[in-house]
Protein backbone atom coordinates (compact mmCIF):
# COMPACT_ATOMS: atom_id res chain seq x y z
CA MET A 1 0.00 0.00 0.00
CA ARG A 2 1.55 3.31 -1.06
CA THR A 3 0.27 6.66 0.09
CA GLY A 4 2.00 9.99 -0.02
CA THR A 5 1.60 13.67 -0.66
CA ASN A 6 4.04 16.44 -1.40
CA VAL A 7 3.96 19.96 -0.06
CA VAL A 8 7.03 22.08 0.42
CA GLY A 9 8.30 22.99 3.86
CA SER A 10 6.89 20.47 6.36
CA ALA A 11 8.59 21.09 9.69
CA ALA A 12 7.58 17.63 10.86
CA LEU A 13 9.88 15.89 8.40
CA LEU A 14 13.12 16.40 10.30
CA ILE A 15 13.16 17.49 13.92
CA GLY A 16 16.20 19.01 15.62
CA LEU A 17 17.97 19.78 12.36
CA SER A 18 17.86 22.74 10.01
CA LEU A 19 17.86 21.35 6.49
CA ALA A 20 17.21 22.90 3.12
CA THR A 21 14.71 20.73 1.25
CA SER A 22 12.77 20.52 -1.97
CA ALA A 23 10.52 17.72 -0.74
CA SER A 24 8.26 17.18 2.20
CA THR A 25 4.91 15.78 3.09
CA SER A 26 1.70 16.47 4.89
CA LEU A 27 0.99 14.18 7.81
CA ALA A 28 -2.43 13.26 6.51
CA GLN A 29 -4.36 10.71 8.54
CA GLN A 30 -4.52 7.36 6.82
CA GLY A 31 -6.44 4.16 7.37
CA GLY A 32 -3.46 1.96 8.17
CA LYS A 33 -4.45 -1.22 9.98
CA SER A 34 -3.12 -1.81 13.48
CA PRO A 35 -0.74 -2.68 14.85
CA LEU A 36 2.04 -0.43 13.65
CA LYS A 37 4.77 -2.58 12.08
CA VAL A 38 8.20 -1.64 13.43
CA PHE A 39 11.45 -2.66 11.74
CA VAL A 40 14.86 -2.12 13.37
CA LEU A 41 17.64 -1.40 10.87
CA ALA A 42 21.04 -1.80 12.54
CA GLY A 43 24.70 -1.79 11.60
CA GLN A 44 27.57 0.55 10.88
CA SER A 45 28.28 3.25 8.30
CA ASN A 46 26.71 1.51 5.32
CA MET A 47 23.47 1.18 7.24
CA GLU A 48 23.80 4.85 8.19
CA GLY A 49 23.76 5.51 4.45
CA GLN A 50 26.44 6.76 2.08
CA GLY A 51 24.63 6.83 -1.25
CA VAL A 52 24.96 10.29 -2.81
CA VAL A 53 21.74 11.92 -4.01
CA ASP A 54 22.79 14.96 -6.02
CA LEU A 55 26.29 16.21 -5.15
CA ASP A 56 28.29 16.66 -8.36
CA HIS A 57 31.52 18.53 -7.65
CA PRO A 58 33.96 17.46 -10.41
CA GLN A 59 36.80 16.80 -7.94
CA TYR A 60 35.06 15.50 -4.83
CA TYR A 61 32.03 13.75 -6.36
CA ASN A 62 33.28 12.66 -9.78
CA GLY A 63 30.98 15.07 -11.56
CA GLY A 64 27.87 13.38 -10.17
CA LYS A 65 28.42 9.93 -11.65
CA GLY A 66 26.48 7.28 -9.77
CA THR A 67 24.31 9.69 -7.81
CA LEU A 68 20.60 9.06 -7.37
CA LYS A 69 19.88 12.05 -9.58
CA GLN A 70 22.08 10.69 -12.34
CA VAL A 71 20.72 7.15 -12.28
CA MET A 72 17.14 8.44 -12.37
CA GLU A 73 17.98 10.37 -15.54
CA ASP A 74 19.21 7.20 -17.27
CA PRO A 75 16.43 6.12 -19.68
CA ALA A 76 17.38 2.48 -19.19
CA LYS A 77 16.86 2.71 -15.42
CA SER A 78 14.45 5.57 -14.82
CA GLU A 79 11.29 3.45 -14.66
CA ARG A 80 12.56 1.44 -11.70
CA PHE A 81 13.22 4.62 -9.73
CA ALA A 82 10.17 6.58 -10.87
CA HIS A 83 8.27 6.12 -7.60
CA LEU A 84 10.84 8.27 -5.76
CA LYS A 85 9.57 11.51 -7.35
CA ASP A 86 6.14 12.91 -8.10
CA ALA A 87 4.93 14.39 -11.39
CA GLU A 88 6.34 17.80 -10.45
CA GLY A 89 9.81 16.41 -9.74
CA ASN A 90 9.60 16.59 -5.94
CA TRP A 91 10.96 13.79 -3.79
CA VAL A 92 8.04 11.69 -2.64
CA ALA A 93 7.58 11.33 1.12
CA ARG A 94 5.34 8.46 2.21
CA ASP A 95 2.81 9.18 4.91
CA ASP A 96 2.31 5.46 5.65
CA VAL A 97 6.02 4.70 6.25
CA TRP A 98 8.06 6.67 8.78
CA VAL A 99 11.70 6.75 9.83
CA ARG A 100 13.35 7.61 13.14
CA PHE A 101 17.14 7.99 13.32
CA LYS A 102 19.21 9.65 16.03
CA ILE A 103 22.44 11.13 14.73
CA ALA A 104 25.17 13.20 16.35
CA GLY A 105 23.48 16.45 15.36
CA GLY A 106 19.97 15.64 16.51
CA LEU A 107 16.95 13.48 15.76
CA LYS A 108 15.62 12.81 12.29
CA LYS A 109 12.03 11.64 12.18
CA GLY A 110 9.20 11.76 9.73
CA PRO A 111 7.79 10.31 6.52
CA LEU A 112 10.08 8.13 4.43
CA THR A 113 12.06 10.09 1.85
CA ILE A 114 15.68 10.93 1.06
CA GLY A 115 18.06 12.18 3.75
CA PHE A 116 17.64 9.77 6.67
CA THR A 117 21.39 9.20 7.02
CA GLY A 118 24.13 10.23 9.43
CA TYR A 119 24.69 13.52 7.62
CA PRO A 120 22.91 16.69 8.80
CA ASP A 121 21.65 17.40 5.28
CA ARG A 122 19.61 15.60 2.67
CA HIS A 123 22.23 14.67 0.10
CA HIS A 124 22.48 10.96 0.93
CA ILE A 125 20.43 7.80 1.21
CA GLY A 126 20.87 4.41 2.84
CA PRO A 127 19.15 1.04 2.41
CA GLU A 128 16.15 2.36 4.35
CA LEU A 129 14.79 4.30 1.37
CA GLN A 130 13.90 1.42 -0.93
CA PHE A 131 13.46 -1.04 1.96
CA GLY A 132 10.69 1.20 3.26
CA HIS A 133 9.03 1.40 -0.14
CA VAL A 134 9.10 -2.36 -0.66
CA VAL A 135 7.80 -3.23 2.80
CA GLY A 136 5.31 -0.37 2.78
CA ASP A 137 3.87 -1.54 -0.53
CA ALA A 138 3.37 -5.05 0.83
CA LEU A 139 1.85 -4.28 4.23
CA ASP A 140 -1.63 -2.95 4.80
CA ALA A 141 -0.46 -1.17 7.95
CA GLN A 142 1.47 1.84 9.10
CA VAL A 143 5.23 1.17 9.14
CA LEU A 144 8.08 2.60 11.22
CA LEU A 145 11.76 2.10 10.47
CA ILE A 146 14.01 2.68 13.49
CA LYS A 147 17.60 3.12 12.36
CA THR A 148 20.32 2.33 14.92
CA ALA A 149 23.63 2.60 13.08
CA TRP A 150 27.06 4.04 13.82
CA GLY A 151 30.16 4.12 11.64
CA GLY A 152 33.26 2.10 12.47
CA LYS A 153 31.62 -0.33 14.89
CA SER A 154 32.35 -4.05 15.23
CA LEU A 155 30.13 -6.93 16.27
CA PHE A 156 33.04 -8.40 18.21
CA THR A 157 33.30 -5.41 20.60
CA ASP A 158 30.86 -2.57 19.96
CA PHE A 159 27.68 -4.57 19.27
CA ARG A 160 28.77 -7.59 21.29
CA PRO A 161 25.62 -9.37 22.52
CA PRO A 162 25.38 -10.51 26.15
CA SER A 163 25.28 -14.22 25.35
CA SER A 164 28.69 -14.00 23.67
CA GLY A 165 30.24 -13.47 27.11
CA GLY A 166 32.69 -10.81 28.15
CA GLN A 167 31.66 -7.17 28.24
CA THR A 168 28.40 -6.44 26.47
CA GLY A 169 28.97 -3.99 23.65
CA PRO A 170 28.01 -0.39 24.41
CA TYR A 171 26.37 -0.06 21.00
CA TYR A 172 24.32 -3.20 21.56
CA GLU A 173 22.95 -1.48 24.64
CA LYS A 174 22.59 1.82 22.79
CA MET A 175 20.65 0.07 20.02
CA LEU A 176 18.16 -1.35 22.52
CA GLU A 177 17.86 1.97 24.32
CA GLU A 178 17.08 3.85 21.11
CA VAL A 179 14.44 1.31 20.18
CA ARG A 180 12.86 1.67 23.64
CA GLU A 181 12.96 5.44 23.35
CA ALA A 182 11.33 5.37 19.91
CA LEU A 183 8.51 3.11 21.07
CA GLU A 184 7.87 5.22 24.17
CA ASN A 185 7.51 8.36 22.05
CA LEU A 186 5.42 7.12 19.17
CA ALA A 187 2.48 9.42 19.82
CA ASP A 188 4.66 12.54 20.04
CA ASP A 189 6.99 11.70 17.18
CA PHE A 190 4.36 10.45 14.74
CA PRO A 191 1.00 12.19 15.23
CA SER A 192 -0.56 10.14 12.42
CA TRP A 193 -0.05 6.90 14.34
CA ASP A 194 -3.50 5.55 15.15
CA GLY A 195 -2.41 4.71 18.72
CA ARG A 196 -3.81 1.20 18.60
CA GLY A 197 -0.68 -0.82 19.23
CA TYR A 198 2.61 -1.76 17.61
CA GLU A 199 4.79 -4.80 17.12
CA ILE A 200 8.48 -5.20 16.33
CA ALA A 201 8.02 -6.95 13.02
CA GLY A 202 11.58 -7.42 11.78
CA PHE A 203 15.31 -6.84 12.29
CA VAL A 204 17.79 -5.98 9.52
CA TRP A 205 21.56 -6.30 10.06
CA PHE A 206 24.06 -4.68 7.65
CA GLN A 207 27.57 -4.69 9.10
CA GLY A 208 30.91 -6.48 9.04
CA TRP A 209 33.66 -4.21 7.77
CA ASN A 210 35.43 -3.62 11.07
CA ASP A 211 35.33 -7.27 12.15
CA MET A 212 37.21 -8.47 9.09
CA TYR A 213 40.44 -6.80 10.19
CA ASP A 214 40.76 -8.79 13.42
CA ALA A 215 41.50 -12.53 13.38
CA GLU A 216 39.60 -13.20 16.60
CA ALA A 217 36.63 -11.15 15.42
CA ARG A 218 36.52 -13.08 12.14
CA ALA A 219 36.68 -16.41 13.96
CA GLU A 220 33.81 -15.42 16.26
CA TYR A 221 31.65 -13.59 13.77
CA GLU A 222 29.22 -16.39 12.96
CA GLN A 223 28.55 -17.24 16.60
CA ASN A 224 28.37 -13.59 17.63
CA LEU A 225 25.78 -12.96 14.92
CA VAL A 226 23.76 -15.98 16.03
CA ASN A 227 23.94 -14.71 19.61
CA LEU A 228 22.87 -11.23 18.52
CA ILE A 229 19.76 -12.61 16.86
CA ARG A 230 18.91 -14.78 19.86
CA ASP A 231 19.43 -11.92 22.30
CA VAL A 232 17.35 -9.27 20.52
CA ARG A 233 14.57 -11.80 20.03
CA LYS A 234 14.56 -12.43 23.76
CA VAL A 235 14.58 -8.74 24.66
CA TRP A 236 11.78 -7.91 22.23
CA GLY A 237 9.72 -10.98 23.10
CA ARG A 238 9.70 -12.34 19.55
CA PRO A 239 11.31 -15.82 19.49
CA ASP A 240 10.72 -16.10 15.73
CA LEU A 241 11.38 -12.46 14.83
CA PRO A 242 12.10 -12.22 11.07
CA VAL A 243 15.74 -11.26 10.50
CA VAL A 244 17.48 -10.19 7.30
CA ILE A 245 21.29 -10.26 7.15
CA GLY A 246 22.84 -8.13 4.42
CA GLU A 247 26.08 -9.46 2.97
CA LEU A 248 29.34 -7.54 3.31
CA GLY A 249 29.37 -7.20 -0.45
CA ASN A 250 31.64 -4.19 -0.93
CA GLY A 251 33.67 -4.42 -4.11
CA GLY A 252 31.56 -7.11 -5.73
CA PRO A 253 32.28 -10.83 -6.05
CA GLU A 254 36.04 -10.39 -5.86
CA ALA A 255 37.28 -10.05 -2.28
CA ASP A 256 40.27 -10.86 -0.12
CA SER A 257 40.26 -13.74 2.35
CA ASN A 258 39.25 -11.53 5.27
CA MET A 259 36.11 -10.23 3.58
CA LEU A 260 35.25 -13.70 2.29
CA ALA A 261 35.48 -15.00 5.86
CA ILE A 262 32.87 -12.49 7.03
CA ARG A 263 30.60 -13.23 4.08
CA GLN A 264 30.80 -16.94 4.79
CA ALA A 265 30.13 -16.37 8.48
CA GLN A 266 27.07 -14.26 7.69
CA ALA A 267 25.67 -16.92 5.36
CA ALA A 268 26.42 -19.70 7.85
CA ALA A 269 24.65 -17.87 10.67
CA ALA A 270 21.50 -17.49 8.57
CA ALA A 271 21.67 -21.17 7.60
CA ARG A 272 21.56 -22.47 11.19
CA PRO A 273 18.74 -25.04 11.47
CA GLU A 274 17.22 -23.15 14.41
CA PHE A 275 16.66 -20.15 12.12
CA GLU A 276 14.98 -21.99 9.27
CA GLY A 277 12.18 -19.89 7.83
CA THR A 278 12.86 -16.89 10.06
CA VAL A 279 16.36 -15.65 9.12
CA THR A 280 17.63 -15.02 5.61
CA PHE A 281 20.96 -13.96 4.10
CA VAL A 282 20.85 -11.44 1.26
CA LYS A 283 23.74 -11.44 -1.19
CA THR A 284 24.73 -7.93 -2.25
CA THR A 285 27.86 -8.35 -4.37
CA ALA A 286 25.90 -7.93 -7.61
CA PHE A 287 24.97 -4.40 -6.54
CA ALA A 288 28.54 -3.08 -6.47
CA ARG A 289 29.38 -0.52 -9.12
CA PRO A 290 32.85 0.48 -10.41
CA ARG A 291 34.56 3.43 -8.80
CA GLU A 292 34.74 5.14 -12.18
CA GLN A 293 30.93 5.16 -12.31
CA SER A 294 30.50 6.38 -8.74
CA PRO A 295 30.71 9.70 -6.87
CA ASN A 296 33.24 8.75 -4.16
CA VAL A 297 36.03 7.04 -6.08
CA GLY A 298 38.20 6.59 -2.97
CA HIS A 299 35.51 5.12 -0.71
CA GLY A 300 35.37 1.44 -1.49
CA HIS A 301 34.31 0.80 2.10
CA HIS A 302 31.20 2.85 1.33
CA TRP A 303 30.34 1.27 -2.02
CA PHE A 304 32.00 4.33 -3.59
CA GLY A 305 28.92 6.31 -2.53
CA ASN A 306 26.96 4.83 -5.44
CA ALA A 307 23.25 5.51 -4.84
CA GLU A 308 22.12 2.71 -7.13
CA SER A 309 24.00 0.26 -4.91
CA TYR A 310 22.20 1.42 -1.77
CA PHE A 311 18.85 1.43 -3.57
CA LEU A 312 19.33 -2.15 -4.77
CA ILE A 313 20.56 -3.32 -1.36
CA GLY A 314 17.45 -1.87 0.27
CA ASP A 315 15.27 -3.40 -2.42
CA ALA A 316 16.73 -6.88 -1.90
CA MET A 317 16.47 -6.60 1.87
CA GLY A 318 12.85 -5.49 1.59
CA GLN A 319 11.93 -8.34 -0.73
CA ALA A 320 13.62 -10.81 1.65
CA MET A 321 11.77 -9.37 4.63
CA ASN A 322 8.44 -9.63 2.82
CA LYS A 323 9.05 -13.32 2.13
CA LEU A 324 9.78 -13.96 5.81
CA LEU A 325 6.67 -12.04 6.84
CA SER A 326 4.53 -13.97 4.37
CA ALA A 327 5.92 -17.28 5.59
CA GLY A 328 5.13 -16.28 9.17
CA ARG A 329 1.53 -15.58 8.19
CA GLY A 330 1.30 -18.99 6.58
CA GLN A 331 0.86 -17.57 3.09
């Protein structure tokens, strides 16, 4: 189900930040069916979002190659991206899918559109953009995406789940705290919420870069990821919570042994018999684009900032989540 309107200048789109914008939305009441479906999107900088929307400096952004603006102007690809803008060329903001993301400069919250990344402006996207469209189209309910992502964080230390032993990771605890905070403030943050309940409907994990540089972290990654899934399920009271694991696919199919080890660990965690039908691994290597066709030619760790990559990652994650949700409903 897709709903959305576009009016310029909605102050409700981003709270706590002063951003120039050419797109916004009215918070029109909609008939979304209860309960509100909540998805937690967690990870490090690539979950924060590094896909460039429209920056085109010839030196720093490769003249705009690989930006969202550029790919939408490509006749061979424009149809797939057409839902992101309205007939007047404004960025669509969905009033049935919302995003909440705390960043260093404040709190971003509001209808799904571009700009829900770790930057204080609206020149980037992450996987949340197309993930929200795909899930929102499939669900006859209001949807909230809670992003809990921080750059440069490992699963081995920063997100370390309690059942892995040792010191629980501070960002594991911070993730849970931000989810609690978001759920406690639903009525204030999202006035269009019908107030008739919510459920944590899914968890998306997109991380791995930092762990691949430490031998012990690589060796533990599979078990730590299994423990993470078990622990958040316990905290949120959802023993069969649908979980999507996004592959560390930076650079495409070719990768060194360290990156391959993380990819294999991610796939192996999802393949555990205990997770059958409730956890899925999404390959992402096919979504990598060459540096020469991307805005940030020196940022291989960030998919070279290619917006098409982040769009396709979000699309694949959303499709995978929908399959898990359908299986859970017995469809």
